[in-house]
């Protein structure tokens, strides 16, 4: 099976375009590596992928997760000979129930003697005559054809296809730097991670949990969500941080209405420490403006003050319905819809502050011993490497076992 792959945004790059193309080539190889011998070639602003087997549905499923692809087609490759090209085009029509068709030709290889318009006209005439001879009612429609047969005359060969499939777009993962994403078990943060992957970023994931004061549902959901997201970036490092000791310290002196803001500030400091270890350049969250009390503009500003690196919020202007629709699309919805207790649900006020004062928050933090408990939480985190291997399943390697936190029992 052979595919021809077109990209759009990559083509707009300047002198560094080749870096993006080579990363896309590498990602395509990772996408299909478990199927056997895979060949990826670059041809005049497009890529061709040659795969073993003929499972088109599996190819479509996998291509939906390859960022950087604008569109792709399953193609037949033939010699640059008019008769062979016309016969291949007719085969594409024979496999389709379409009642109207058009032929479109692109000819980057100017050594081919016929021009693009001549090829469209002559191949179209060949198809129409072949259909008439078989008694098939097939008409030419250059405006809204049910089937478009595409010819690409390129690099000494001809590629013929009868259907074009939309890719996910974006930029290849690995071209946009590295970020640390704060991953919960809800709808928002997995979608935020996916959005940054689509822009080419590699996402290190950091999950904060309150086990044993909450059940393991949040932890298990998070592991499974990380598995799903790893499908889009092939490899993931996941940090599982026991946050209960930090919460105990915050509870000791913090008014209930400000606890959520202090929780988030502490998470940002720990995540930033993870980012420095992983050579990441920004933090990533799934926050949406005004969705909950901690996500008012005032509170976001107070929370951001705890970090010195950029905080990216790709969902800041999205509403819940848009986020849930995307979660369904990428396959995280069912997991995120399951009931669970996360660490932020513990000991928070019924009416939390929506306009926290930075001066008051800093005064409270000054009286707490947060540096020690935050450092212990980071050092005691479980660290797992995930690698997507297609049909072989997810490979998990525990780099560091979790350290059971010492608690005072105040939660």
Protein backbone atom coordinates (compact mmCIF):
# COMPACT_ATOMS: atom_id res chain seq x y z
CA UNK A 1 0.00 0.00 0.00
CA UNK A 2 1.25 3.46 -0.88
CA UNK A 3 0.19 6.87 0.45
CA UNK A 4 0.97 10.33 -0.81
CA UNK A 5 0.98 12.91 1.97
CA UNK A 6 0.62 16.65 1.61
CA UNK A 7 1.45 19.26 4.22
CA UNK A 8 0.40 22.89 4.32
CA UNK A 9 1.76 24.90 7.22
CA UNK A 10 5.19 23.28 6.94
CA UNK A 11 5.39 24.56 3.36
CA UNK A 12 5.17 28.12 4.70
CA UNK A 13 8.39 27.72 6.66
CA UNK A 14 11.59 29.32 5.39
CA UNK A 15 15.11 28.03 5.61
CA UNK A 16 14.26 25.63 8.43
CA UNK A 17 11.49 23.87 6.48
CA UNK A 18 13.62 20.76 6.11
CA UNK A 19 13.75 20.35 9.90
CA UNK A 20 9.95 20.15 10.01
CA UNK A 21 9.80 17.77 7.06
CA UNK A 22 12.39 15.44 8.58
CA UNK A 23 10.51 15.38 11.88
CA UNK A 24 7.31 14.50 10.01
CA UNK A 25 9.18 11.69 8.24
CA UNK A 26 10.40 10.40 11.60
CA UNK A 27 6.90 10.56 13.10
CA UNK A 28 5.39 8.69 10.16
CA UNK A 29 7.91 5.92 10.65
CA UNK A 30 7.00 5.77 14.34
CA UNK A 31 3.30 5.62 13.43
CA UNK A 32 3.68 2.51 11.27
CA UNK A 33 6.83 0.89 12.68
CA UNK A 34 5.02 -2.16 14.09
CA UNK A 35 3.50 -3.11 10.72
CA UNK A 36 6.77 -4.18 9.15
CA UNK A 37 9.07 -2.54 6.62
CA UNK A 38 8.09 1.10 6.09
CA UNK A 39 9.54 3.40 3.43
CA UNK A 40 9.08 7.19 3.59
CA UNK A 41 10.36 9.41 0.76
CA UNK A 42 10.26 13.15 0.09
CA UNK A 43 9.07 14.23 -3.37
CA UNK A 44 8.68 17.88 -4.41
CA UNK A 45 6.70 19.20 -1.44
CA UNK A 46 5.01 15.91 -0.61
CA UNK A 47 5.87 12.60 1.03
CA UNK A 48 5.19 9.05 -0.07
CA UNK A 49 4.81 6.22 2.42
CA UNK A 50 5.00 2.58 1.35
CA UNK A 51 3.48 0.09 3.78
CA UNK A 52 3.08 -3.68 3.91
CA UNK A 53 -0.47 -5.00 3.84
CA UNK A 54 -3.74 -3.53 2.58
CA UNK A 55 -5.63 -2.56 5.77
CA UNK A 56 -6.94 0.86 4.74
CA UNK A 57 -9.09 1.32 7.87
CA UNK A 58 -6.07 0.87 10.13
CA UNK A 59 -4.13 3.37 8.02
CA UNK A 60 -6.93 5.96 8.35
CA UNK A 61 -7.11 5.43 12.12
CA UNK A 62 -3.40 6.00 12.55
CA UNK A 63 -3.13 8.93 10.15
CA UNK A 64 -5.72 10.81 12.23
CA UNK A 65 -3.02 11.20 14.89
CA UNK A 66 -0.09 12.37 12.74
CA UNK A 67 0.21 16.12 13.24
CA UNK A 68 1.62 18.07 10.32
CA UNK A 69 -0.41 16.19 7.68
CA UNK A 70 -2.87 18.40 5.80
CA UNK A 71 -4.29 15.60 3.67
CA UNK A 72 -3.33 12.23 2.24
CA UNK A 73 -4.45 9.74 -0.39
CA UNK A 74 -4.06 6.04 -1.03
CA UNK A 75 -2.35 5.94 -4.42
CA UNK A 76 -1.29 3.65 -7.20
CA UNK A 77 2.19 4.36 -8.51
CA UNK A 78 2.80 3.75 -12.22
CA UNK A 79 5.36 4.70 -14.86
CA UNK A 80 5.21 8.07 -16.60
CA UNK A 81 3.38 6.57 -19.54
CA UNK A 82 0.00 7.90 -20.66
CA UNK A 83 -1.53 4.47 -21.17
CA UNK A 84 -0.50 3.24 -17.70
CA UNK A 85 -1.69 6.46 -16.07
CA UNK A 86 -5.07 6.32 -17.85
CA UNK A 87 -5.58 2.67 -16.92
CA UNK A 88 -4.76 3.39 -13.27
CA UNK A 89 -7.20 6.32 -13.30
CA UNK A 90 -9.93 4.05 -14.71
CA UNK A 91 -9.27 1.51 -11.94
CA UNK A 92 -9.92 4.26 -9.38
CA UNK A 93 -13.29 4.95 -11.04
CA UNK A 94 -14.17 1.26 -11.15
CA UNK A 95 -13.74 1.04 -7.37
CA UNK A 96 -16.17 3.94 -6.80
CA UNK A 97 -19.98 4.09 -7.15
CA UNK A 98 -19.72 7.75 -8.22
CA UNK A 99 -22.01 8.97 -11.00
CA UNK A 100 -19.87 11.98 -11.88
CA UNK A 101 -16.14 12.62 -11.98
CA UNK A 102 -13.37 15.08 -12.72
CA UNK A 103 -9.66 14.65 -13.31
CA UNK A 104 -7.12 16.96 -11.69
CA UNK A 105 -3.44 16.86 -12.55
CA UNK A 106 -0.35 18.39 -10.96
CA UNK A 107 2.93 18.13 -12.86
CA UNK A 108 5.97 19.24 -10.81
CA UNK A 109 8.11 17.06 -13.12
CA UNK A 110 8.30 19.26 -16.22
CA UNK A 111 10.14 16.53 -18.17
CA UNK A 112 6.82 14.81 -18.78
CA UNK A 113 5.76 15.85 -22.31
CA UNK A 114 2.04 16.52 -21.69
CA UNK A 115 0.85 19.54 -19.76
CA UNK A 116 -1.52 19.35 -16.80
CA UNK A 117 -4.60 20.56 -18.72
CA UNK A 118 -3.88 18.15 -21.58
CA UNK A 119 -3.59 15.26 -19.11
CA UNK A 120 -6.86 16.18 -17.42
CA UNK A 121 -8.67 16.35 -20.74
CA UNK A 122 -7.20 13.19 -22.28
CA UNK A 123 -7.42 11.00 -19.17
CA UNK A 124 -10.97 12.25 -18.60
CA UNK A 125 -11.89 11.29 -22.14
CA UNK A 126 -10.34 7.84 -21.67
CA UNK A 127 -12.41 7.28 -18.50
CA UNK A 128 -15.63 8.48 -20.12
CA UNK A 129 -15.15 6.16 -23.12
CA UNK A 130 -14.29 3.19 -20.85
CA UNK A 131 -17.44 3.81 -18.79
CA UNK A 132 -19.58 4.10 -21.94
CA UNK A 133 -18.17 0.83 -23.26
CA UNK A 134 -19.21 -0.89 -20.01
CA UNK A 135 -22.68 0.66 -20.14
CA UNK A 136 -22.08 2.79 -17.08
CA UNK A 137 -23.84 6.13 -16.74
CA UNK A 138 -20.92 8.39 -15.78
CA UNK A 139 -20.79 12.08 -16.54
CA UNK A 140 -18.08 14.72 -16.29
CA UNK A 141 -18.65 17.40 -13.63
CA UNK A 142 -15.86 19.89 -13.18
CA UNK A 143 -17.71 21.87 -10.47
CA UNK A 144 -19.00 19.36 -7.93
CA UNK A 145 -17.90 15.87 -8.97
CA UNK A 146 -18.72 12.90 -6.77
CA UNK A 147 -15.24 11.54 -7.51
CA UNK A 148 -12.05 13.46 -8.24
CA UNK A 149 -9.27 11.41 -9.81
CA UNK A 150 -5.94 13.03 -8.99
CA UNK A 151 -2.76 12.63 -11.00
CA UNK A 152 0.62 13.72 -9.68
CA UNK A 153 3.49 13.58 -12.16
CA UNK A 154 6.55 13.80 -9.98
CA UNK A 155 10.18 12.70 -9.86
CA UNK A 156 10.07 10.25 -12.74
CA UNK A 157 6.86 8.54 -11.61
CA UNK A 158 3.09 9.03 -11.62
CA UNK A 159 0.83 8.80 -8.58
CA UNK A 160 -2.88 8.17 -9.19
CA UNK A 161 -5.56 8.43 -6.49
CA UNK A 162 -9.33 8.51 -6.31
CA UNK A 163 -9.97 9.90 -2.83
CA UNK A 164 -8.40 12.45 -0.52
CA UNK A 165 -8.57 12.20 3.27
CA UNK A 166 -8.23 15.09 5.69
CA UNK A 167 -5.28 14.98 8.07
CA UNK A 168 -5.21 16.60 11.52
CA UNK A 169 -3.08 19.55 10.36
CA UNK A 170 -0.81 21.40 12.76
CA UNK A 171 2.93 20.84 13.05
CA UNK A 172 4.90 17.64 13.67
CA UNK A 173 5.33 16.76 17.34
CA UNK A 174 8.90 17.51 18.35
CA UNK A 175 9.25 20.79 16.45
CA UNK A 176 7.67 23.10 19.04
CA UNK A 177 9.84 22.55 22.10
CA UNK A 178 8.87 20.87 25.36
CA UNK A 179 6.28 21.85 27.98
CA UNK A 180 5.08 20.38 31.27
CA UNK A 181 1.33 19.82 31.28
CA UNK A 182 -0.62 19.67 34.53
CA UNK A 183 -2.78 16.63 33.81
CA UNK A 184 -5.95 15.92 35.80
CA UNK A 185 -8.53 13.22 35.16
CA UNK A 186 -11.10 15.73 33.91
CA UNK A 187 -12.04 16.85 30.41
CA UNK A 188 -9.95 19.98 30.09
CA UNK A 189 -6.30 19.18 30.66
CA UNK A 190 -6.09 16.18 28.27
CA UNK A 191 -7.58 18.36 25.53
CA UNK A 192 -5.08 21.13 26.36
CA UNK A 193 -2.22 18.62 26.07
CA UNK A 194 -3.56 17.48 22.69
CA UNK A 195 -3.78 21.08 21.48
CA UNK A 196 -0.12 21.75 22.29
CA UNK A 197 0.94 18.48 20.65
CA UNK A 198 -0.88 19.64 17.52
CA UNK A 199 1.28 22.76 17.55
CA UNK A 200 4.40 20.58 17.63
CA UNK A 201 5.17 20.63 21.36
CA UNK A 202 6.28 17.58 23.30
CA UNK A 203 4.30 17.37 26.57
CA UNK A 204 5.75 16.01 29.81
CA UNK A 205 2.74 15.23 32.00
CA UNK A 206 2.50 15.94 35.72
CA UNK A 207 -0.45 14.64 37.75
CA UNK A 208 -1.13 15.65 41.37
CA UNK A 209 -3.06 13.18 43.54
CA UNK A 210 -4.12 12.89 47.19
CA UNK A 211 -3.94 9.12 47.59
CA UNK A 212 -4.53 7.59 50.17
CA UNK A 213 -7.02 10.30 51.20
CA UNK A 214 -8.79 9.82 47.89
CA UNK A 215 -9.30 6.52 46.08
CA UNK A 216 -7.07 5.39 43.22
CA UNK A 217 -9.59 6.30 40.51
CA UNK A 218 -7.87 9.60 39.75
CA UNK A 219 -4.48 7.90 39.48
CA UNK A 220 -5.73 5.10 37.26
CA UNK A 221 -7.72 7.46 35.04
CA UNK A 222 -4.65 9.62 34.64
CA UNK A 223 -2.47 6.69 33.64
CA UNK A 224 -5.00 5.68 30.99
CA UNK A 225 -5.36 9.24 29.73
CA UNK A 226 -1.58 9.44 29.39
CA UNK A 227 -1.70 6.23 27.35
CA UNK A 228 -4.24 7.75 24.95
CA UNK A 229 -2.28 10.99 24.58
CA UNK A 230 0.98 9.13 24.02
CA UNK A 231 -0.55 7.84 20.79
CA UNK A 232 -0.18 11.40 19.43
CA UNK A 233 3.44 12.00 20.50
CA UNK A 234 4.78 8.41 20.62
CA UNK A 235 6.68 8.87 23.90
CA UNK A 236 5.63 10.45 27.20
CA UNK A 237 7.22 11.00 30.59
CA UNK A 238 4.62 11.01 33.36
CA UNK A 239 5.16 12.35 36.89
CA UNK A 240 2.68 11.24 39.58
CA UNK A 241 3.06 13.61 42.54
CA UNK A 242 1.59 12.84 45.98
CA UNK A 243 0.16 16.25 46.90
CA UNK A 244 -1.47 15.44 50.25
CA UNK A 245 1.49 16.62 52.44
CA UNK A 246 1.45 19.98 50.67
CA UNK A 247 -2.27 20.28 51.24
CA UNK A 248 -1.84 19.49 54.92
CA UNK A 249 0.64 22.35 55.25
CA UNK A 250 -1.66 24.75 53.40
CA UNK A 251 -4.66 23.74 55.52
CA UNK A 252 -2.85 24.58 58.74
CA UNK A 253 -2.98 28.36 58.29
CA UNK A 254 -5.06 29.15 55.20
CA UNK A 255 -8.67 30.40 55.19
CA UNK A 256 -10.87 27.95 53.33
CA UNK A 257 -11.82 30.44 50.62
CA UNK A 258 -8.16 30.84 49.58
CA UNK A 259 -7.07 27.20 49.70
CA UNK A 260 -7.66 26.50 46.02
CA UNK A 261 -5.50 29.43 44.97
CA UNK A 262 -2.68 28.26 47.23
CA UNK A 263 -3.05 24.69 45.98
CA UNK A 264 -2.65 25.89 42.41
CA UNK A 265 0.33 28.09 43.21
CA UNK A 266 2.06 25.16 44.89
CA UNK A 267 1.34 22.92 41.90
CA UNK A 268 2.87 25.52 39.61
CA UNK A 269 6.07 25.65 41.67
CA UNK A 270 6.42 21.85 41.65
CA UNK A 271 5.59 21.62 37.94
CA UNK A 272 8.16 24.33 37.24
CA UNK A 273 10.79 22.28 39.07
CA UNK A 274 9.83 19.33 36.87
CA UNK A 275 10.16 21.58 33.82
CA UNK A 276 13.69 22.55 34.77
CA UNK A 277 14.64 18.88 35.17
CA UNK A 278 13.10 18.01 31.80
CA UNK A 279 14.47 21.09 30.01
CA UNK A 280 10.95 22.28 29.27
CA UNK A 281 10.28 25.91 28.49
CA UNK A 282 6.71 26.46 29.70
CA UNK A 283 3.86 25.12 31.81
CA UNK A 284 0.55 24.03 30.31
CA UNK A 285 -2.89 23.92 31.93
CA UNK A 286 -6.47 23.25 30.81
CA UNK A 287 -7.90 26.35 32.47
CA UNK A 288 -10.75 28.21 30.78
CA UNK A 289 -11.59 31.78 31.77
CA UNK A 290 -14.38 31.94 34.33
CA UNK A 291 -15.15 28.21 34.31
CA UNK A 292 -14.59 27.84 38.08
CA UNK A 293 -13.69 30.20 40.91
CA UNK A 294 -9.93 29.70 40.61
CA UNK A 295 -10.09 30.61 36.92
CA UNK A 296 -11.22 34.21 37.15
CA UNK A 297 -8.80 36.66 35.62
CA UNK A 298 -7.81 37.99 39.07
CA UNK A 299 -7.10 34.53 40.47
CA UNK A 300 -5.22 33.40 37.36
CA UNK A 301 -2.94 36.41 37.76
CA UNK A 302 -2.32 35.56 41.42
CA UNK A 303 -1.61 31.92 40.58
CA UNK A 304 0.70 32.85 37.69
CA UNK A 305 2.84 34.95 40.03
CA UNK A 306 4.14 31.70 41.57
CA UNK A 307 5.82 30.72 38.28
CA UNK A 308 8.70 32.42 36.51
CA UNK A 309 8.24 30.64 33.17
CA UNK A 310 5.38 31.10 30.69
CA UNK A 311 2.04 29.43 31.48
CA UNK A 312 0.18 28.32 28.34
CA UNK A 313 -3.62 27.99 28.41
CA UNK A 314 -4.85 26.87 24.97
CA UNK A 315 -8.45 26.48 26.22
CA UNK A 316 -8.71 29.92 27.83
CA UNK A 317 -11.46 31.05 25.43
CA UNK A 318 -13.22 27.69 24.96
CA UNK A 319 -16.52 26.75 26.58
CA UNK A 320 -17.25 23.37 28.12
CA UNK A 321 -19.23 22.06 25.15
CA UNK A 322 -16.35 22.77 22.78
CA UNK A 323 -13.90 21.06 25.13
CA UNK A 324 -16.10 17.99 25.55
CA UNK A 325 -16.59 17.71 21.79
CA UNK A 326 -12.82 17.67 21.33
CA UNK A 327 -12.47 15.09 24.12
CA UNK A 328 -14.86 12.81 22.21
CA UNK A 329 -12.84 13.29 19.05
CA UNK A 330 -9.48 12.40 20.59
CA UNK A 331 -10.78 9.49 22.66
CA UNK A 332 -10.49 10.85 26.21
CA UNK A 333 -14.17 11.61 26.88
CA UNK A 334 -15.23 8.26 28.34
CA UNK A 335 -12.38 8.22 30.86
CA UNK A 336 -12.84 11.85 31.86
CA UNK A 337 -16.58 11.31 32.34
CA UNK A 338 -16.01 8.69 35.05
CA UNK A 339 -16.57 9.86 38.65
CA UNK A 340 -13.39 10.47 40.62
CA UNK A 341 -12.01 12.52 43.49
CA UNK A 342 -9.02 14.70 42.70
CA UNK A 343 -6.75 16.43 45.17
CA UNK A 344 -8.39 19.82 44.59
CA UNK A 345 -11.73 18.52 45.89
CA UNK A 346 -10.35 18.12 49.42
CA UNK A 347 -11.18 20.66 52.10
CA UNK A 348 -12.15 23.57 49.84
CA UNK A 349 -14.68 26.25 50.66
CA UNK A 350 -18.28 26.09 49.50
CA UNK A 351 -17.82 29.64 48.23
CA UNK A 352 -14.13 30.07 47.28
CA UNK A 353 -12.63 33.47 46.63
CA UNK A 354 -12.94 34.77 43.09
CA UNK A 355 -10.74 37.86 43.65
CA UNK A 356 -7.82 36.74 45.81
CA UNK A 357 -5.43 39.47 46.93
CA UNK A 358 -1.81 38.69 46.09
CA UNK A 359 -0.53 40.46 49.20
CA UNK A 360 -2.66 38.28 51.50
CA UNK A 361 -1.65 35.10 49.65
CA UNK A 362 2.05 35.98 49.93
CA UNK A 363 1.65 36.74 53.64
CA UNK A 364 0.07 33.33 54.25
CA UNK A 365 2.75 31.52 52.25
CA UNK A 366 5.46 33.29 54.21
CA UNK A 367 4.13 31.70 57.41
CA UNK A 368 4.05 28.21 55.88
CA UNK A 369 6.90 25.76 55.31
CA UNK A 370 6.02 25.06 51.71
CA UNK A 371 9.51 24.81 50.26
CA UNK A 372 10.27 21.67 52.28
CA UNK A 373 7.00 19.82 51.57
CA UNK A 374 7.01 20.81 47.90
CA UNK A 375 10.58 19.57 47.54
CA UNK A 376 9.68 16.28 49.24
CA UNK A 377 6.65 15.88 46.98
CA UNK A 378 8.83 16.27 43.89
CA UNK A 379 11.52 13.89 45.14
CA UNK A 380 8.92 11.29 46.11
CA UNK A 381 7.05 11.42 42.79
CA UNK A 382 6.63 8.29 40.71
CA UNK A 383 8.13 8.75 37.22
CA UNK A 384 7.03 6.57 34.30
CA UNK A 385 8.15 6.52 30.67
CA UNK A 386 5.53 5.50 28.10
CA UNK A 387 6.22 4.42 24.53
CA UNK A 388 3.52 3.74 21.94
CA UNK A 389 4.17 0.58 19.91
CA UNK A 390 1.02 0.23 17.83
CA UNK A 391 -0.44 -3.26 17.88
CA UNK A 392 2.19 -4.34 20.41
CA UNK A 393 0.56 -2.07 23.00
CA UNK A 394 2.02 0.54 25.35
CA UNK A 395 5.47 -0.01 26.81
CA UNK A 396 5.76 1.32 30.36
CA UNK A 397 9.04 1.73 32.20
CA UNK A 398 9.05 2.94 35.81
CA UNK A 399 12.06 5.21 36.21
CA UNK A 400 11.39 5.95 39.88
CA UNK A 401 9.11 4.26 42.36
CA UNK A 402 6.87 6.50 44.49
CA UNK A 403 7.90 7.36 48.04
CA UNK A 404 5.05 7.05 50.55
CA UNK A 405 4.57 10.53 52.04
CA UNK A 406 4.61 11.18 55.76
CA UNK A 407 1.30 12.72 56.81
CA UNK A 408 0.04 14.28 59.99
CA UNK A 409 -3.49 12.98 59.39
CA UNK A 410 -5.08 16.43 59.20
CA UNK A 411 -6.90 16.02 55.86
